[in-house]
Protein backbone atom coordinates (compact mmCIF):
# COMPACT_ATOMS: atom_id res chain seq x y z
CA MET A 1 -8.10 -11.56 19.84
CA LYS A 2 -9.91 -8.28 18.55
CA ARG A 3 -7.04 -7.90 16.25
CA VAL A 4 -7.23 -11.50 15.08
CA LEU A 5 -10.86 -11.35 14.25
CA THR A 6 -10.19 -7.87 12.52
CA ALA A 7 -7.22 -9.46 10.58
CA LEU A 8 -9.19 -12.83 9.46
CA VAL A 9 -12.37 -10.73 8.54
CA LEU A 10 -10.22 -8.37 6.40
CA ILE A 11 -8.27 -11.23 4.82
CA ALA A 12 -11.74 -13.14 4.06
CA ALA A 13 -12.65 -9.74 2.62
CA VAL A 14 -9.53 -9.55 0.26
CA LEU A 15 -9.30 -13.18 -0.79
CA ALA A 16 -13.01 -13.29 -1.77
CA LEU A 17 -12.64 -9.98 -3.89
CA VAL A 18 -9.27 -11.59 -5.62
CA PHE A 19 -10.67 -14.81 -6.63
CA PHE A 20 -14.59 -14.29 -6.79
CA GLY A 21 -15.28 -10.66 -7.53
CA LYS A 22 -15.28 -8.24 -10.44
CA LEU A 23 -13.26 -5.51 -11.63
CA TRP A 24 -15.65 -3.27 -10.12
CA MET A 25 -16.25 -4.92 -7.22
CA LEU A 26 -12.07 -4.58 -6.16
CA THR A 27 -11.63 -0.83 -7.88
CA LEU A 28 -14.76 0.32 -4.95
CA PHE A 29 -12.72 -1.79 -2.09
CA ALA A 30 -9.52 -0.40 -3.00
CA ALA A 31 -11.02 3.37 -3.37
CA ILE A 32 -12.79 2.91 -0.31
CA VAL A 33 -10.01 1.93 1.56
CA ALA A 34 -8.33 4.79 0.34
CA GLU A 35 -10.77 7.20 0.99
CA LEU A 36 -10.64 6.12 4.83
CA ALA A 37 -6.49 6.09 4.66
CA VAL A 38 -6.84 10.00 3.27
CA TYR A 39 -8.93 10.68 6.09
CA GLU A 40 -6.62 9.67 8.58
CA TYR A 41 -3.49 11.20 6.67
CA LEU A 42 -5.49 14.62 6.81
CA GLN A 43 -5.73 14.07 10.59
CA LEU A 44 -2.02 13.21 10.56
CA ALA A 45 -1.16 16.22 8.93
CA ALA A 46 -3.29 18.30 10.76
CA VAL A 47 -1.90 17.68 14.09
CA GLY A 48 1.37 17.64 13.03
CA ALA A 49 0.97 21.44 11.59
CA GLU A 50 -0.13 22.37 14.72
CA THR A 51 2.83 20.73 16.67
CA HIS A 52 4.80 23.61 14.72
CA GLY A 53 2.24 26.44 15.51
CA ALA A 54 0.21 26.11 11.99
CA LYS A 55 -2.99 25.14 10.63
CA LEU A 56 -3.56 22.96 7.79
CA ARG A 57 -5.90 23.92 5.00
CA ILE A 58 -6.11 21.04 2.49
CA PRO A 59 -9.62 21.04 1.79
CA PHE A 60 -11.31 17.64 2.75
CA TRP A 61 -13.55 17.86 -0.39
CA TRP A 62 -10.82 18.21 -2.53
CA MET A 63 -9.07 14.96 -0.80
CA VAL A 64 -12.18 13.10 -1.54
CA ALA A 65 -12.76 14.03 -5.13
CA ALA A 66 -9.17 13.87 -6.34
CA THR A 67 -8.93 10.42 -4.84
CA ALA A 68 -11.97 9.20 -6.50
CA THR A 69 -10.79 10.86 -9.28
CA ALA A 70 -7.61 8.95 -9.00
CA PHE A 71 -9.20 5.42 -9.42
CA VAL A 72 -12.01 6.49 -12.38
CA VAL A 73 -9.13 7.29 -14.78
CA THR A 74 -7.74 3.90 -13.87
CA LEU A 75 -10.64 2.25 -15.45
CA PRO A 76 -10.49 0.60 -18.90
CA ASN A 77 -11.87 3.24 -20.63
CA PHE A 78 -9.40 5.57 -19.81
CA PRO A 79 -5.96 5.48 -21.37
CA VAL A 80 -3.37 5.46 -19.29
CA GLU A 81 -1.79 8.52 -20.83
CA ASP A 82 -4.97 10.43 -19.11
CA GLN A 83 -3.86 9.98 -15.79
CA LEU A 84 -0.66 12.60 -15.82
CA PRO A 85 -3.01 15.29 -16.91
CA VAL A 86 -5.50 14.56 -14.45
CA LEU A 87 -3.24 14.28 -11.67
CA SER A 88 -1.89 18.10 -13.10
CA ALA A 89 -5.25 19.68 -13.02
CA LEU A 90 -6.33 18.39 -9.95
CA THR A 91 -2.72 19.79 -8.33
CA LEU A 92 -3.44 23.20 -10.13
CA VAL A 93 -7.12 23.16 -8.43
CA LEU A 94 -5.72 22.71 -5.17
CA PHE A 95 -2.99 25.46 -5.68
CA ALA A 96 -5.63 27.92 -6.98
CA TRP A 97 -8.09 27.10 -4.04
CA ASN A 98 -4.95 27.40 -1.43
CA ALA A 99 -3.85 30.73 -2.96
CA PHE A 100 -7.43 32.48 -2.42
CA ARG A 101 -7.89 31.36 1.09
CA SER A 102 -4.71 30.52 3.11
CA PRO A 103 -2.18 32.52 4.45
CA LEU A 104 0.76 33.54 1.88
CA ILE A 105 3.32 31.40 4.26
CA GLN A 106 0.86 28.15 4.07
CA ILE A 107 -0.02 28.03 0.25
CA LEU A 108 3.14 26.12 -0.62
CA PRO A 109 3.14 23.52 2.52
CA ASP A 110 -0.68 23.00 2.16
CA THR A 111 -0.58 22.10 -1.67
CA ALA A 112 2.41 20.23 -1.53
CA GLN A 113 0.80 18.29 1.70
CA GLY A 114 -2.12 17.65 -0.33
CA LEU A 115 -0.59 16.55 -3.59
CA PHE A 116 1.77 14.23 -1.36
CA GLY A 117 -1.10 12.20 0.10
CA LEU A 118 -2.55 11.72 -3.36
CA ILE A 119 0.36 10.03 -4.28
CA TYR A 120 1.42 8.41 -1.31
CA ILE A 121 -2.06 6.67 -0.67
CA ALA A 122 -4.50 6.89 -3.55
CA TYR A 123 -2.14 6.02 -6.36
CA PRO A 124 -0.36 2.92 -4.70
CA LEU A 125 -4.22 1.56 -4.10
CA THR A 126 -5.00 2.45 -7.97
CA LEU A 127 -2.27 -0.43 -8.79
CA ILE A 128 -4.39 -3.45 -6.92
CA PRO A 129 -7.29 -3.59 -9.71
CA LEU A 130 -4.53 -2.92 -12.05
CA LEU A 131 -2.40 -5.35 -10.97
CA TRP A 132 -5.26 -8.03 -10.78
CA SER A 133 -6.37 -7.24 -14.56
CA LYS A 134 -2.68 -8.46 -15.33
CA GLU A 135 -1.82 -11.89 -17.10
CA ASN A 136 -2.33 -14.33 -13.76
CA GLY A 137 -3.52 -11.14 -11.94
CA PRO A 138 -5.51 -12.88 -9.12
CA THR A 139 -2.54 -15.05 -8.61
CA LEU A 140 -0.21 -11.86 -8.65
CA VAL A 141 -2.35 -10.04 -5.78
CA LEU A 142 -2.42 -12.95 -3.57
CA PHE A 143 1.40 -13.15 -3.96
CA LEU A 144 1.46 -9.59 -3.06
CA MET A 145 -0.71 -9.88 0.09
CA LEU A 146 1.29 -12.77 1.42
CA SER A 147 4.33 -11.33 0.91
CA VAL A 148 3.46 -8.32 2.83
CA TRP A 149 0.95 -10.24 5.63
CA VAL A 150 3.46 -13.04 6.09
CA GLY A 151 6.79 -10.66 6.32
CA ASP A 152 4.71 -8.64 9.16
CA THR A 153 3.61 -11.50 11.03
CA ALA A 154 7.14 -13.11 10.99
CA ALA A 155 8.94 -9.71 11.84
CA LEU A 156 6.48 -9.30 14.75
CA TYR A 157 6.78 -12.47 16.19
CA VAL A 158 10.37 -13.49 15.86
CA GLY A 159 11.49 -9.30 16.87
CA ARG A 160 9.34 -9.77 19.79
CA ALA A 161 10.99 -13.27 20.89
CA PHE A 162 15.03 -12.69 19.66
CA GLY A 163 14.73 -8.82 18.50
CA LYS A 164 17.61 -7.30 20.16
CA ARG A 165 19.60 -4.43 17.74
CA LYS A 166 16.87 -1.52 16.64
CA LEU A 167 16.80 -1.45 13.16
CA ALA A 168 15.63 2.40 12.72
CA PRO A 169 15.01 3.48 16.80
CA ARG A 170 14.02 7.15 15.23
CA LEU A 171 11.49 6.26 13.12
CA SER A 172 10.29 3.01 15.17
CA PRO A 173 11.68 1.93 18.33
CA GLY A 174 9.80 -1.72 18.19
CA LYS A 175 11.56 -2.97 14.82
CA THR A 176 14.86 -4.88 15.05
CA TRP A 177 17.05 -6.82 13.02
CA ALA A 178 16.25 -10.06 13.54
CA GLY A 179 12.21 -9.40 12.75
CA SER A 180 13.31 -7.57 9.41
CA ILE A 181 15.55 -10.63 8.65
CA ALA A 182 13.19 -13.09 9.91
CA SER A 183 10.21 -10.99 7.44
CA ILE A 184 12.01 -11.28 4.14
CA ALA A 185 12.82 -15.26 5.05
CA GLY A 186 8.75 -15.25 5.69
CA SER A 187 8.14 -13.62 2.51
CA VAL A 188 10.60 -15.94 0.45
CA LEU A 189 8.90 -18.86 1.85
CA ILE A 190 5.10 -18.12 1.50
CA ALA A 191 6.31 -17.41 -2.15
CA LEU A 192 7.69 -20.67 -2.13
CA ALA A 193 4.85 -22.27 -0.75
CA LEU A 194 2.46 -20.30 -3.64
CA ALA A 195 4.57 -20.88 -6.42
CA GLU A 196 4.64 -25.01 -5.46
CA THR A 197 0.69 -24.99 -4.97
CA ALA A 198 0.25 -22.93 -8.15
CA ASN A 199 2.60 -25.48 -10.37
CA ALA A 200 0.50 -28.49 -8.72
CA LEU A 201 -3.00 -27.08 -9.47
CA THR A 202 -1.91 -26.12 -12.85
CA ALA A 203 -0.21 -29.76 -13.55
CA ARG A 204 -3.89 -31.05 -12.72
CA GLY A 205 -5.34 -28.56 -15.06
CA ASN A 206 -6.56 -26.04 -12.70
CA MET A 207 -5.90 -22.56 -13.42
CA LEU A 208 -7.03 -21.05 -10.04
CA LEU A 209 -3.59 -20.06 -9.05
CA HIS A 210 -0.88 -19.94 -12.12
CA ILE A 211 3.10 -18.67 -11.87
CA SER A 212 4.32 -18.65 -15.47
CA GLU A 213 8.04 -17.09 -14.40
CA PRO A 214 10.76 -19.19 -13.22
CA LEU A 215 11.12 -19.86 -9.27
CA TRP A 216 14.19 -17.97 -8.94
CA GLN A 217 12.42 -14.73 -9.99
CA THR A 218 9.35 -15.53 -7.43
CA LEU A 219 11.35 -16.01 -4.75
CA VAL A 220 13.84 -12.58 -5.83
CA LEU A 221 10.76 -10.33 -6.12
CA ALA A 222 9.12 -11.84 -2.96
CA ALA A 223 12.20 -10.56 -1.27
CA ILE A 224 12.13 -7.44 -2.95
CA LEU A 225 8.96 -6.65 -2.25
CA ASN A 226 9.24 -7.46 1.40
CA ILE A 227 12.31 -5.17 1.81
CA ALA A 228 9.91 -2.33 0.38
CA ALA A 229 6.64 -3.10 2.45
CA GLN A 230 9.67 -2.92 5.26
CA VAL A 231 10.50 0.43 4.29
CA GLY A 232 6.78 1.94 3.96
CA ASP A 233 5.74 0.42 7.57
CA LEU A 234 9.30 2.80 8.38
CA LEU A 235 7.85 5.76 6.29
CA GLU A 236 4.58 5.99 7.82
CA SER A 237 5.91 5.49 11.29
CA SER A 238 7.92 8.44 10.63
CA ILE A 239 4.88 10.51 9.78
CA LYS A 240 3.22 9.52 12.83
CA ARG A 241 6.36 10.50 15.15
CA GLY A 242 6.38 13.56 13.29
CA ALA A 243 2.52 14.47 14.37
CA GLY A 244 3.24 12.72 18.28
CA VAL A 245 0.52 9.82 17.47
CA LYS A 246 1.03 6.17 18.05
CA ASP A 247 -1.74 5.15 15.61
CA SER A 248 -3.23 7.00 12.39
CA GLY A 249 -6.50 6.36 13.84
CA THR A 250 -8.96 3.49 15.25
CA MET A 251 -11.32 2.28 12.96
CA LEU A 252 -9.47 -1.27 12.52
CA PRO A 253 -10.29 -2.90 16.23
CA GLY A 254 -6.78 -4.36 17.77
CA HIS A 255 -5.01 -2.62 14.51
CA GLY A 256 -5.43 1.30 15.03
CA GLY A 257 -6.18 2.79 11.76
CA ILE A 258 -6.84 1.82 8.27
CA LEU A 259 -3.21 3.59 7.09
CA ASP A 260 -1.32 1.65 10.03
CA ARG A 261 -2.54 -1.96 8.00
CA ILE A 262 -1.72 -0.69 4.54
CA ASP A 263 1.69 1.01 4.94
CA ALA A 264 3.50 -1.48 3.71
CA LEU A 265 1.22 -2.03 1.17
CA LEU A 266 1.93 1.74 -0.17
CA LEU A 267 5.43 1.27 -1.09
CA ALA A 268 5.40 -2.93 -1.84
CA ALA A 269 2.28 -2.41 -4.62
CA PRO A 270 4.40 0.40 -6.22
CA VAL A 271 7.51 -1.44 -6.37
CA LEU A 272 5.61 -4.79 -7.64
CA TRP A 273 4.29 -2.85 -10.79
CA TYR A 274 7.47 -1.09 -11.58
CA ALA A 275 9.50 -4.29 -11.32
CA LEU A 276 6.92 -5.89 -13.87
CA LEU A 277 7.60 -3.33 -16.24
CA LEU A 278 11.12 -3.85 -15.66
CA LYS A 279 10.33 -7.52 -16.49
CA ASP A 280 8.65 -6.81 -19.92
CA TYR A 281 11.32 -4.44 -20.60
CA PHE A 282 14.27 -6.49 -20.47
CA GLY A 283 12.15 -9.71 -21.85
CA LEU A 284 12.23 -11.63 -18.65
CA GLY A 285 8.53 -12.62 -19.09
CA ARG A 286 5.66 -12.22 -17.25
CA PHE A 287 4.61 -13.05 -13.58
C-alpha cells in the first residue's frame, strides 16, 4: 500500500507541474530531486569506497553547489554554449580541492567520482525543463514519463508471473527477459494510446496534448526510450551491487531511495534529447 500511495503522489505532482506549472517550477522541482539523488549517490560511493579500504572525499558542499549550478546555466538567460565551460570550471575546482586535501592516491578517484555524479544525475534531470520548453513540450515530457513508468510496471508484473530466464543476473537477479519484452510492449502501447488521444483532442481544437510526428516515429521512439530506461535501471543496480546495498536510500516509502525511482529516467531523458537532435539533423520533423 505504501508503494502505491507514494507512486500516486509522485505521479500527481509530476502531472500537475507538466500541465499547470511554470518553467521555473519544473526546474526547481527537478533540481530538488537531483540534489536528493546526489546525496544518495554520495552515500553509495562512500560505502563502495569503504568496501575497498578507501575513504571517499567528495565534498558535500561541492556536490550541492555543482548540481545547482548545472540547473542555473540551463535557464533561458544562459546560452547553451556556457554549459561546457561551467562544467569544466566545476571540475577544476573539485580537482584543486582534492589535490590539497586528499591522499595522493585518492585525488584522481575522488575527482572522477564527483564529476561522474554530476554527469550521471544532474545533467539528465536538467533536460526535463529543457524538453518541456520545446514545441509540444508538455506532451513530450508526458510521453517520456509514461514510456518509463508503464514499461517499468509491465516488467514488474509480467516478470514476476512469467519470468524464468534472467536478463542480467550479475547486475540485477530479479530482471527477466519476459519482463523486458513486456516492458517494451507496454511502452509502445501507452505511446499508441497517447498519440491517439492527442489526435482526438487536436481534432476537436483542444491542444492540451499534441504530437506532430507520424505515428510510426512515436512508436519507434517509445521502444528506444524503453530500452534506454531498462539499461539505466541495470546501470544503477550495478552501482548498488558494487556498494553491497539493496536500495539507494529510504526517502520514498515502499520504493527505496530517490535514485531507485529515477534510475531509468537518467538514461531515457538524454536518449530522448539526442533522438530529437537527430530528428532535426535528418529533417524528420518535430515531435
